Protein backbone atom coordinates (compact mmCIF):
# COMPACT_ATOMS: atom_id res chain seq x y z
CA MET A 1 0.00 0.00 0.00
CA LEU A 2 1.36 3.42 -1.00
CA THR A 3 1.93 5.65 2.04
CA GLY A 4 4.06 8.41 0.51
CA PRO A 5 3.37 10.91 -2.28
CA TYR A 6 1.23 9.64 -5.14
CA LEU A 7 2.85 11.71 -7.90
CA GLU A 8 6.54 12.56 -7.63
CA LEU A 9 8.85 14.58 -9.85
CA VAL A 10 12.47 14.21 -8.76
CA ASP A 11 15.19 16.59 -10.01
CA ILE A 12 13.69 17.09 -13.48
CA HIS A 13 15.92 18.84 -16.01
CA LYS A 14 14.97 19.78 -19.57
CA SER A 15 16.73 21.84 -22.24
CA PHE A 16 15.72 22.91 -25.72
CA GLY A 17 18.95 23.67 -27.56
CA ASP A 18 20.92 26.05 -25.36
CA ALA A 19 17.87 27.04 -23.32
CA HIS A 20 17.61 25.34 -19.93
CA VAL A 21 13.84 25.29 -19.40
CA LEU A 22 13.76 23.13 -16.26
CA LYS A 23 16.64 23.28 -13.79
CA GLY A 24 15.91 20.64 -11.18
CA VAL A 25 12.16 20.55 -10.49
CA ASN A 26 11.14 18.58 -7.40
CA LEU A 27 7.45 18.10 -6.64
CA SER A 28 5.55 15.63 -4.45
CA ILE A 29 1.75 15.45 -4.62
CA SER A 30 -0.52 13.40 -2.37
CA LYS A 31 -3.39 11.27 -3.62
CA GLY A 32 -6.49 13.39 -4.16
CA GLU A 33 -4.59 16.69 -3.88
CA PHE A 34 -5.15 19.67 -6.21
CA VAL A 35 -1.82 21.38 -6.97
CA THR A 36 -1.48 24.34 -9.32
CA LEU A 37 1.70 25.23 -11.20
CA LEU A 38 1.73 29.02 -11.36
CA GLY A 39 4.18 31.36 -13.01
CA PRO A 40 4.88 33.77 -15.86
CA SER A 41 5.17 32.69 -19.49
CA GLY A 42 8.29 30.66 -20.23
CA CYS A 43 8.96 29.63 -16.62
CA GLY A 44 8.62 25.86 -17.29
CA LYS A 45 5.20 24.99 -15.89
CA THR A 46 3.69 23.60 -19.13
CA THR A 47 6.93 21.76 -19.91
CA THR A 48 6.66 20.13 -16.48
CA LEU A 49 3.08 19.09 -17.20
CA ASN A 50 4.00 17.64 -20.61
CA ILE A 51 6.90 15.68 -19.13
CA THR A 52 4.55 14.28 -16.48
CA ALA A 53 2.14 13.24 -19.23
CA GLY A 54 4.91 11.63 -21.28
CA LEU A 55 4.44 14.06 -24.18
CA LEU A 56 8.02 15.26 -23.62
CA THR A 57 11.03 13.38 -22.29
CA ALA A 58 13.12 14.87 -19.48
CA ASP A 59 16.88 15.10 -19.95
CA SER A 60 17.30 13.72 -16.44
CA GLY A 61 15.28 13.03 -13.31
CA GLU A 62 12.49 10.65 -12.35
CA ILE A 63 8.69 10.65 -12.51
CA ARG A 64 6.79 8.25 -10.25
CA ILE A 65 3.04 7.66 -10.21
CA GLY A 66 1.71 5.43 -7.47
CA GLY A 67 5.28 4.48 -6.62
CA LYS A 68 6.03 3.27 -10.18
CA GLU A 69 8.78 4.90 -12.23
CA MET A 70 7.40 6.15 -15.56
CA ALA A 71 10.56 6.43 -17.68
CA ASN A 72 9.65 3.53 -19.99
CA THR A 73 5.88 3.94 -19.80
CA PRO A 74 4.20 5.51 -22.86
CA PRO A 75 1.64 8.29 -22.32
CA HIS A 76 -1.45 6.12 -22.92
CA LYS A 77 -0.36 3.64 -20.24
CA ARG A 78 0.33 6.17 -17.46
CA GLY A 79 -3.29 6.31 -16.30
CA LEU A 80 -3.57 10.04 -16.91
CA GLY A 81 -6.34 12.27 -18.22
CA MET A 82 -5.41 15.56 -19.85
CA VAL A 83 -7.38 18.71 -20.68
CA PHE A 84 -5.68 21.01 -23.18
CA GLN A 85 -5.88 24.78 -23.52
CA ASN A 86 -7.65 24.55 -26.90
CA TYR A 87 -9.86 21.59 -25.78
CA ALA A 88 -8.55 19.47 -28.72
CA LEU A 89 -12.00 18.11 -29.60
CA PHE A 90 -12.51 16.18 -32.82
CA PRO A 91 -14.56 18.53 -35.03
CA HIS A 92 -16.06 15.69 -37.10
CA MET A 93 -17.36 13.78 -34.05
CA PRO A 94 -20.49 14.52 -31.99
CA VAL A 95 -20.17 15.02 -28.24
CA PHE A 96 -20.90 11.39 -27.37
CA ASP A 97 -18.15 10.05 -29.66
CA ASN A 98 -15.67 12.71 -28.50
CA ILE A 99 -16.16 11.64 -24.90
CA ALA A 100 -16.20 7.91 -25.72
CA PHE A 101 -13.01 8.07 -27.81
CA GLY A 102 -10.68 7.13 -24.96
CA LEU A 103 -12.88 4.21 -23.93
CA LYS A 104 -12.85 2.82 -27.46
CA PHE A 105 -9.07 3.28 -27.60
CA LEU A 106 -8.81 1.25 -24.39
CA ARG A 107 -11.11 -1.37 -25.91
CA THR A 108 -13.82 -0.96 -23.30
CA SER A 109 -16.81 -3.25 -23.81
CA LYS A 110 -19.43 -1.66 -26.10
CA ASP A 111 -22.07 -2.45 -23.49
CA GLU A 112 -20.25 -0.36 -20.84
CA ILE A 113 -19.56 2.73 -22.93
CA PRO A 114 -23.05 4.37 -22.83
CA SER A 115 -23.33 4.20 -19.04
CA LYS A 116 -19.78 5.51 -18.53
CA VAL A 117 -20.37 8.42 -20.92
CA ARG A 118 -23.71 9.25 -19.31
CA ARG A 119 -22.12 9.29 -15.85
CA VAL A 120 -19.39 11.78 -16.76
CA MET A 121 -21.77 13.97 -18.76
CA ASP A 122 -23.97 14.20 -15.67
CA LEU A 123 -20.86 14.99 -13.61
CA VAL A 124 -19.93 17.97 -15.82
CA ASN A 125 -23.56 19.17 -16.15
CA LEU A 126 -24.09 18.26 -19.82
CA PRO A 127 -27.38 16.32 -20.05
CA ILE A 128 -26.74 13.47 -22.47
CA ASP A 129 -30.13 13.70 -24.21
CA THR A 130 -29.50 17.37 -25.01
CA TYR A 131 -25.84 17.24 -26.02
CA ARG A 132 -24.94 13.77 -27.25
CA ALA A 133 -25.52 14.51 -30.96
CA ARG A 134 -24.14 18.06 -31.06
CA TYR A 135 -20.85 18.82 -32.77
CA PRO A 136 -18.09 21.01 -31.27
CA HIS A 137 -18.95 23.95 -33.55
CA GLN A 138 -22.47 23.94 -32.08
CA LEU A 139 -21.16 24.40 -28.52
CA SER A 140 -20.14 27.49 -26.55
CA GLY A 141 -16.62 27.76 -25.19
CA GLY A 142 -17.79 26.67 -21.75
CA GLU A 143 -19.63 23.65 -23.19
CA GLN A 144 -16.57 22.62 -25.18
CA GLN A 145 -14.51 22.88 -22.02
CA ARG A 146 -16.97 20.57 -20.22
CA VAL A 147 -16.79 18.03 -23.05
CA SER A 148 -12.99 18.09 -22.89
CA LEU A 149 -13.11 17.56 -19.14
CA ALA A 150 -15.62 14.70 -19.50
CA ARG A 151 -13.40 13.02 -22.12
CA ALA A 152 -10.44 13.18 -19.72
CA LEU A 153 -12.46 11.78 -16.79
CA VAL A 154 -14.36 9.01 -18.57
CA ILE A 155 -11.31 6.72 -18.65
CA GLU A 156 -11.13 7.00 -14.83
CA PRO A 157 -7.54 8.28 -14.71
CA SER A 158 -5.46 8.22 -11.56
CA VAL A 159 -4.16 11.75 -12.25
CA LEU A 160 -5.86 14.64 -14.04
CA LEU A 161 -3.65 17.19 -15.86
CA LEU A 162 -5.07 20.54 -17.00
CA ASP A 163 -3.11 23.02 -19.12
CA GLU A 164 -4.66 26.52 -18.82
CA PRO A 165 -8.14 25.14 -19.62
CA LEU A 166 -9.99 28.39 -18.88
CA SER A 167 -7.82 30.85 -20.79
CA ASN A 168 -10.15 31.00 -23.80
CA LEU A 169 -13.28 31.79 -21.76
CA ASP A 170 -14.66 35.21 -20.87
CA ALA A 171 -14.28 36.47 -17.29
CA LYS A 172 -17.74 35.48 -16.09
CA MET A 173 -17.50 31.98 -17.55
CA ARG A 174 -14.01 31.53 -16.07
CA ASP A 175 -15.36 32.26 -12.60
CA SER A 176 -18.16 29.73 -13.10
CA MET A 177 -15.85 27.01 -14.43
CA ARG A 178 -13.34 27.47 -11.62
CA ALA A 179 -16.02 26.47 -9.17
CA GLU A 180 -17.18 23.61 -11.41
CA ILE A 181 -13.73 22.10 -11.84
CA ARG A 182 -13.06 22.29 -8.12
CA ARG A 183 -16.44 20.70 -7.35
CA ILE A 184 -15.79 17.85 -9.77
CA GLN A 185 -12.26 17.30 -8.48
CA LYS A 186 -13.50 17.02 -4.90
CA GLU A 187 -16.39 14.76 -5.91
CA VAL A 188 -14.22 12.22 -7.72
CA ARG A 189 -11.23 12.79 -5.39
CA ILE A 190 -8.76 12.72 -8.25
CA THR A 191 -5.14 13.82 -7.96
CA THR A 192 -4.94 16.98 -10.08
CA VAL A 193 -2.15 19.11 -11.54
CA TYR A 194 -3.35 22.40 -12.98
CA VAL A 195 -1.28 24.89 -14.98
CA THR A 196 -2.13 28.59 -15.13
CA HIS A 197 -0.56 32.06 -15.18
CA ASP A 198 -3.68 33.49 -13.48
CA GLN A 199 -2.93 34.05 -9.80
CA GLU A 200 -6.58 34.43 -8.78
CA GLU A 201 -7.37 31.11 -10.43
CA ALA A 202 -4.53 29.42 -8.57
CA LEU A 203 -5.45 30.87 -5.18
CA ALA A 204 -9.15 30.08 -5.57
CA MET A 205 -8.86 26.46 -6.69
CA SER A 206 -5.80 24.85 -5.14
CA ASP A 207 -4.83 22.87 -2.08
CA ARG A 208 -1.27 23.99 -2.77
CA VAL A 209 0.36 26.31 -5.28
CA ALA A 210 3.84 25.80 -6.78
CA ILE A 211 5.34 29.10 -7.94
CA PHE A 212 7.70 28.59 -10.89
CA GLN A 213 10.61 30.93 -11.47
CA SER A 214 12.95 30.42 -14.43
CA GLY A 215 12.72 26.63 -14.48
CA THR A 216 12.66 25.97 -10.74
CA ILE A 217 10.02 26.03 -8.01
CA ALA A 218 10.51 29.17 -5.93
CA GLN A 219 7.92 28.18 -3.32
CA ILE A 220 5.19 25.59 -2.84
CA ALA A 221 2.59 26.09 -0.12
CA SER A 222 -1.10 26.60 0.53
CA PRO A 223 -2.73 29.63 -1.14
CA LEU A 224 -2.94 31.37 2.24
CA GLU A 225 0.74 30.74 2.99
CA ILE A 226 1.80 31.92 -0.47
CA TYR A 227 -0.16 35.16 -0.09
CA LYS A 228 0.50 35.92 3.58
CA ARG A 229 4.06 34.63 3.87
CA PRO A 230 5.81 34.67 0.48
CA GLY A 231 9.25 33.14 0.65
CA SER A 232 10.95 35.62 -1.67
CA VAL A 233 10.61 38.96 -3.39
CA PHE A 234 9.74 37.15 -6.63
CA VAL A 235 6.78 35.33 -5.04
CA ALA A 236 5.52 38.47 -3.30
CA ASP A 237 5.77 40.37 -6.58
CA PHE A 238 4.07 37.73 -8.72
CA VAL A 239 1.15 36.95 -6.42
CA GLY A 240 -1.00 39.94 -5.48
CA HIS A 241 -0.18 43.65 -5.73
CA SER A 242 2.68 44.65 -3.47
CA ASN A 243 4.72 47.76 -2.78
CA PHE A 244 8.45 47.09 -2.35
CA ILE A 245 10.55 49.38 -0.16
CA ARG A 246 14.33 49.02 0.05
CA GLY A 247 16.02 49.89 3.30
CA ARG A 248 18.70 49.11 5.83
CA VAL A 249 18.34 47.99 9.45
CA GLN A 250 19.07 50.88 11.81
CA GLU A 251 17.96 49.51 15.17
CA VAL A 252 16.92 46.09 16.51
CA SER A 253 14.90 45.52 19.72
CA ASN A 254 13.33 42.41 21.26
CA ALA A 255 10.21 42.36 19.05
CA THR A 256 10.66 45.04 16.39
CA CYS A 257 13.21 46.60 14.13
CA THR A 258 13.58 50.04 12.57
CA VAL A 259 14.42 50.07 8.89
CA VAL A 260 15.52 53.32 7.25
CA THR A 261 14.65 53.60 3.58
CA ASP A 262 16.92 54.97 0.89
CA GLY A 263 14.92 58.21 1.12
CA GLY A 264 15.31 58.49 4.90
CA LEU A 265 11.93 57.21 6.18
CA ALA A 266 12.15 55.24 9.42
CA ILE A 267 9.72 52.29 9.33
CA VAL A 268 9.07 49.99 12.28
CA VAL A 269 8.71 46.33 11.27
CA PRO A 270 8.40 42.99 13.09
CA LYS A 271 11.74 41.46 14.03
CA THR A 272 12.85 38.38 12.07
CA ASP A 273 15.68 35.92 12.62
CA PHE A 274 17.88 37.28 9.84
CA MET A 275 17.85 40.92 10.99
CA THR A 276 21.16 42.47 12.01
CA LYS A 277 22.19 46.08 12.19
CA ASN A 278 23.02 47.65 8.78
CA LYS A 279 21.60 44.67 6.88
CA SER A 280 19.87 45.54 3.59
CA LEU A 281 16.25 44.36 3.36
CA VAL A 282 13.22 44.63 1.16
CA LEU A 283 9.89 45.44 2.79
CA ALA A 284 6.73 44.33 0.99
CA VAL A 285 3.27 45.73 1.74
CA ARG A 286 0.14 44.59 -0.07
CA ALA A 287 -1.73 47.41 -1.79
CA GLU A 288 -4.92 46.65 0.15
CA LYS A 289 -3.09 46.71 3.50
CA ILE A 290 -2.06 50.38 3.34
CA ALA A 291 -4.55 52.69 5.09
CA LEU A 292 -5.28 56.21 3.84
CA LEU A 293 -5.97 58.74 6.62
CA ASP A 294 -7.12 62.36 6.57
CA LYS A 295 -4.98 63.33 9.53
CA ARG A 296 -1.95 62.10 11.41
CA ASP A 297 -2.24 60.38 14.79
CA SER A 298 0.20 58.88 17.29
CA ARG A 299 0.47 55.34 15.85
CA GLU A 300 3.67 54.05 14.29
CA ASN A 301 4.46 54.28 10.58
CA ILE A 302 2.15 57.14 9.59
CA PHE A 303 3.62 59.35 6.89
CA GLU A 304 2.42 62.42 5.04
CA GLY A 305 2.00 62.07 1.30
CA THR A 306 0.48 63.61 -1.81
CA VAL A 307 -2.06 61.93 -4.08
CA GLU A 308 -0.63 61.54 -7.59
CA SER A 309 -3.57 59.69 -9.13
CA SER A 310 -6.87 58.08 -8.17
CA LEU A 311 -8.86 55.62 -10.28
CA TYR A 312 -12.37 54.62 -9.26
CA MET A 313 -12.87 50.91 -10.06
CA GLY A 314 -16.31 50.27 -8.55
CA SER A 315 -15.68 48.09 -5.49
CA THR A 316 -12.27 49.71 -4.95
CA SER A 317 -10.30 52.83 -5.80
CA ARG A 318 -6.66 52.58 -6.84
CA VAL A 319 -4.69 55.48 -5.46
CA THR A 320 -1.04 56.36 -6.01
CA VAL A 321 0.55 58.41 -3.23
CA ALA A 322 4.00 60.01 -3.21
CA VAL A 323 5.69 59.74 0.20
CA GLY A 324 9.12 61.31 -0.07
CA ASP A 325 10.85 59.39 -2.86
CA LEU A 326 8.44 56.45 -2.57
CA ARG A 327 5.45 55.81 -4.82
CA LEU A 328 2.89 53.73 -2.94
CA PHE A 329 0.08 51.96 -4.80
CA ILE A 330 -2.98 51.60 -2.60
CA HIS A 331 -6.27 49.75 -3.09
CA VAL A 332 -8.94 51.56 -1.10
CA ALA A 333 -12.16 49.70 -0.28
CA GLY A 334 -14.86 49.98 2.37
CA GLU A 335 -16.36 53.26 3.50
CA GLU A 336 -14.34 55.46 1.14
CA VAL A 337 -15.80 53.70 -1.88
CA ARG A 338 -19.31 53.19 -0.48
CA THR A 339 -19.66 56.89 0.31
CA GLY A 340 -18.35 57.90 -3.10
CA LYS A 341 -15.36 59.75 -1.67
CA ILE A 342 -12.67 60.08 -4.32
CA HIS A 343 -9.19 61.33 -3.44
CA GLU A 344 -8.15 64.19 -5.69
CA THR A 345 -4.78 64.62 -7.39
CA GLY A 346 -2.58 66.92 -5.32
CA GLU A 347 -4.51 66.25 -2.09
CA THR A 348 -2.47 65.86 1.09
CA VAL A 349 -3.13 62.54 2.84
CA TYR A 350 -1.51 60.32 5.45
CA VAL A 351 -0.60 56.69 4.82
CA GLU A 352 -0.33 54.07 7.54
CA LEU A 353 1.91 51.02 7.19
CA ASN A 354 0.82 48.77 10.04
CA PRO A 355 3.87 46.77 11.23
CA ARG A 356 1.87 43.53 11.29
CA ASP A 357 1.10 43.94 7.56
CA ILE A 358 4.72 44.48 6.49
CA MET A 359 6.51 41.45 5.05
CA VAL A 360 10.28 41.52 5.54
CA LEU A 361 12.20 39.83 2.73
CA GLN A 362 15.80 39.34 1.72
CA GLY A 363 17.01 40.24 -1.77
CA GLU A 364 16.22 42.77 -4.44
CA THR A 365 12.98 43.40 -6.29
CA GLU A 366 12.63 41.92 -9.76
CA SER A 367 10.14 44.42 -11.17
């Protein structure tokens, strides 16, 4: 009986010519877990998915599924289902035959095929009596996506792989399908690897998120951990909207530390293990965690600034404030937006950087 990870990628390397696309990817996924590979274009996430599927061969490293090494196992014998970005439906086949294709390839009994197809069509909310005879060109993008998902699931794979399956849908349909895919994944309890460059998608759907950076995994953790406690400047910059402030440690106490920015602002931050006097640091503050005040009070980290721009976005306003040589990007929600108050360009305001909302990171910003 398998007690360890169900899907394992061990030290995967892959080059195309002189380009090193994967530089030692290590990933362990438990049975029934939903893990998203997230990162910018060209970072290696789709290459990792294709190597897992057997559509590409790694230069070195191991892939294990259910404890079995996959090096000599062809794609169709790995027990995987895959959903592609463009759905890859057969245009000349009706929905029923598209979904049943994998079963026929596996030589499933003709008597079993109708019940298996009906079950997965019910699972993805495509009533068989309505959709079985329709062709792909007669379906909406969302319906095509459901057919593609049903085709991947009908063969009862041990692992489901999805390569940016929602990228061709409009925003409203994407939101709906996120919830649908997560519902289906939980219902069938299938181990799932999902590739996307959409951070909201990754945070909303995943048990864990693996952030790819230039062919390696920069951090893998729960969505909450990734957002609240990013392990590097790159992760903090890629996920969410952060302000980065460079500075140097001036003073260290038992619980806090004072960091002086390049422009001379003294900011109190929580103490961390790697803080020493004169050490260079990067402070990261999420845009929604900066408070805008009309007047100064006695709390720490309140600085006078000038509004440079203000964009009303409906549920939020996006305000840029100059504080000395800093440009802080702030997402204002709550009462300011509900009351219709819009900050005007040139207005004097006060910004508050609450110490508990400041993330202290080592290294330099990448943006």
